């Protein structure tokens, strides 16, 4: 399946952004929604108190950690890609491009906020599973606990 999809995308590289937007992104959001939905209905545990490093200035600590994951830098790349896609759709007027870019940015911020809050909830309610080295392991452990191995 993977190689079939890769082959198809290599034949149509111009459709890559459309494919991600139409299929992959909604699929990933659906998967996260199913995991979080199950965690809300059948929580692993109670939300835990924040770690000492996040008891004060949690926003700035989280912002710095997010910056270290390149989220802030990737936003610049996102903006360039959005403008190029808008132009490829035949929109040439600068004010219209700016308006669509701002709306896209607002949608992205709201979506990312929802995803990050959901992941924070999963991490906060899964402290009974032990401390993991990174978020990927936490998510794996949560899914194993919620759905079995």
Protein backbone atom coordinates (compact mmCIF):
# COMPACT_ATOMS: atom_id res chain seq x y z
CA UNK A 1 0.00 0.00 0.00
CA UNK A 2 2.78 2.43 0.99
CA UNK A 3 4.74 1.85 -2.22
CA UNK A 4 1.57 2.12 -4.30
CA UNK A 5 0.74 5.49 -2.78
CA UNK A 6 4.36 6.62 -3.17
CA UNK A 7 4.37 5.56 -6.82
CA UNK A 8 1.10 7.40 -7.48
CA UNK A 9 2.36 10.57 -5.81
CA UNK A 10 5.64 10.44 -7.73
CA UNK A 11 3.65 10.36 -10.97
CA UNK A 12 1.60 13.39 -9.88
CA UNK A 13 3.84 15.56 -7.66
CA UNK A 14 1.77 18.67 -8.40
CA UNK A 15 -1.20 17.03 -6.65
CA UNK A 16 0.77 16.33 -3.47
CA UNK A 17 -0.52 19.36 -1.54
CA UNK A 18 -4.10 18.64 -2.63
CA UNK A 19 -3.74 15.00 -1.57
CA UNK A 20 -2.43 15.98 1.87
CA UNK A 21 -5.20 18.52 2.31
CA UNK A 22 -8.01 16.27 1.17
CA UNK A 23 -7.02 12.93 2.65
CA UNK A 24 -4.04 12.74 4.98
CA UNK A 25 -4.73 15.73 7.23
CA UNK A 26 -8.40 14.83 7.85
CA UNK A 27 -7.36 11.23 8.51
CA UNK A 28 -4.77 12.30 11.10
CA UNK A 29 -7.25 14.65 12.78
CA UNK A 30 -9.83 11.86 12.85
CA UNK A 31 -7.33 9.46 14.45
CA UNK A 32 -6.44 11.99 17.16
CA UNK A 33 -10.16 12.71 17.71
CA UNK A 34 -10.90 9.00 18.16
CA UNK A 35 -8.04 8.61 20.64
CA UNK A 36 -9.01 11.71 22.63
CA UNK A 37 -12.71 10.81 22.49
CA UNK A 38 -11.98 7.40 24.00
CA UNK A 39 -9.75 9.04 26.64
CA UNK A 40 -12.56 11.43 27.60
CA UNK A 41 -15.19 8.69 27.77
CA UNK A 42 -12.92 6.18 29.53
CA UNK A 43 -10.05 8.17 31.09
CA UNK A 44 -6.88 6.40 32.15
CA UNK A 45 -6.64 8.58 35.26
CA UNK A 46 -7.29 11.99 36.73
CA UNK A 47 -5.47 15.01 35.30
CA UNK A 48 -2.17 15.39 37.14
CA UNK A 49 -0.63 18.53 38.57
CA UNK A 50 1.94 20.17 36.31
CA UNK A 51 5.62 19.32 36.69
CA UNK A 52 7.72 21.74 38.74
CA UNK A 53 9.19 23.29 35.59
CA UNK A 54 5.69 24.23 34.41
CA UNK A 55 4.05 25.36 37.68
CA UNK A 56 5.06 28.94 37.00
CA UNK A 57 5.32 30.52 33.57
CA UNK A 58 3.79 27.47 31.90
CA UNK A 59 2.94 29.42 28.76
CA UNK A 60 6.50 30.63 28.18
CA UNK A 61 8.01 27.25 29.05
CA UNK A 62 5.66 25.57 26.59
CA UNK A 63 6.33 28.24 23.99
CA UNK A 64 10.08 27.67 24.24
CA UNK A 65 9.62 23.90 24.00
CA UNK A 66 7.39 24.42 20.96
CA UNK A 67 10.01 26.69 19.43
CA UNK A 68 12.61 23.97 19.95
CA UNK A 69 10.41 21.58 17.96
CA UNK A 70 10.56 24.08 15.09
CA UNK A 71 6.81 24.81 15.19
CA UNK A 72 7.43 28.56 15.03
CA UNK A 73 9.95 28.26 12.20
CA UNK A 74 7.72 25.89 10.24
CA UNK A 75 4.98 28.54 10.39
CA UNK A 76 7.10 30.66 8.05
CA UNK A 77 7.34 27.79 5.60
CA UNK A 78 3.59 27.25 5.98
CA UNK A 79 2.98 30.86 4.98
CA UNK A 80 5.10 30.53 1.86
CA UNK A 81 3.35 27.31 0.85
CA UNK A 82 -0.09 28.86 1.43
CA UNK A 83 0.73 31.86 -0.77
CA UNK A 84 2.10 29.62 -3.53
CA UNK A 85 -0.98 27.38 -3.46
CA UNK A 86 -3.29 30.41 -3.55
CA UNK A 87 -1.42 31.79 -6.56
CA UNK A 88 -1.52 28.39 -8.27
CA UNK A 89 -5.32 28.51 -7.97
CA UNK A 90 -5.34 31.62 -10.17
CA UNK A 91 -5.73 34.31 -7.51
CA UNK A 92 -3.40 37.20 -8.32
CA UNK A 93 -4.75 40.20 -6.37
CA UNK A 94 -2.54 40.95 -3.35
CA UNK A 95 -5.40 41.89 -1.03
CA UNK A 96 -7.26 38.66 -1.84
CA UNK A 97 -4.09 36.60 -1.29
CA UNK A 98 -3.54 38.34 2.07
CA UNK A 99 -7.15 37.74 3.14
CA UNK A 100 -7.03 34.03 2.27
CA UNK A 101 -3.64 33.67 3.97
CA UNK A 102 -4.95 35.25 7.19
CA UNK A 103 -8.03 33.01 7.19
CA UNK A 104 -5.79 29.98 6.58
CA UNK A 105 -3.57 31.06 9.46
CA UNK A 106 -6.54 31.44 11.81
CA UNK A 107 -7.82 27.98 10.87
CA UNK A 108 -4.32 26.56 11.41
CA UNK A 109 -3.97 28.23 14.83
CA UNK A 110 -7.37 26.97 15.97
CA UNK A 111 -6.65 23.47 14.69
CA UNK A 112 -3.20 23.29 16.26
CA UNK A 113 -4.57 24.66 19.54
CA UNK A 114 -7.21 21.94 19.61
CA UNK A 115 -4.66 19.24 18.78
CA UNK A 116 -2.13 20.44 21.38
CA UNK A 117 -4.78 20.80 24.10
CA UNK A 118 -5.97 17.28 23.28
CA UNK A 119 -2.44 15.89 23.48
CA UNK A 120 -1.86 17.78 26.75
CA UNK A 121 -5.02 16.20 28.16
CA UNK A 122 -3.81 12.75 27.11
CA UNK A 123 -0.45 13.35 28.77
CA UNK A 124 -1.98 14.80 31.91
CA UNK A 125 -4.38 11.89 32.44
CA UNK A 126 -1.82 9.19 31.71
CA UNK A 127 0.71 9.76 34.50
CA UNK A 128 -0.17 6.34 35.94
CA UNK A 129 1.59 4.82 32.92
CA UNK A 130 4.93 6.20 34.08
CA UNK A 131 7.24 8.85 32.75
CA UNK A 132 8.20 8.60 29.08
CA UNK A 133 11.15 10.14 27.30
CA UNK A 134 9.06 11.97 24.72
CA UNK A 135 5.54 12.67 23.52
CA UNK A 136 5.63 9.90 20.93
CA UNK A 137 6.13 7.29 23.64
CA UNK A 138 3.40 8.84 25.77
CA UNK A 139 0.97 8.68 22.85
CA UNK A 140 1.96 5.07 22.11
CA UNK A 141 1.45 4.09 25.75
CA UNK A 142 -1.90 5.89 25.89
CA UNK A 143 -3.17 4.15 22.75
CA UNK A 144 -1.97 0.77 24.06
CA UNK A 145 -3.76 1.40 27.36
CA UNK A 146 -6.98 2.61 25.74
CA UNK A 147 -7.22 0.09 22.92
CA UNK A 148 -4.90 -2.73 23.98
CA UNK A 149 -1.83 -4.00 22.19
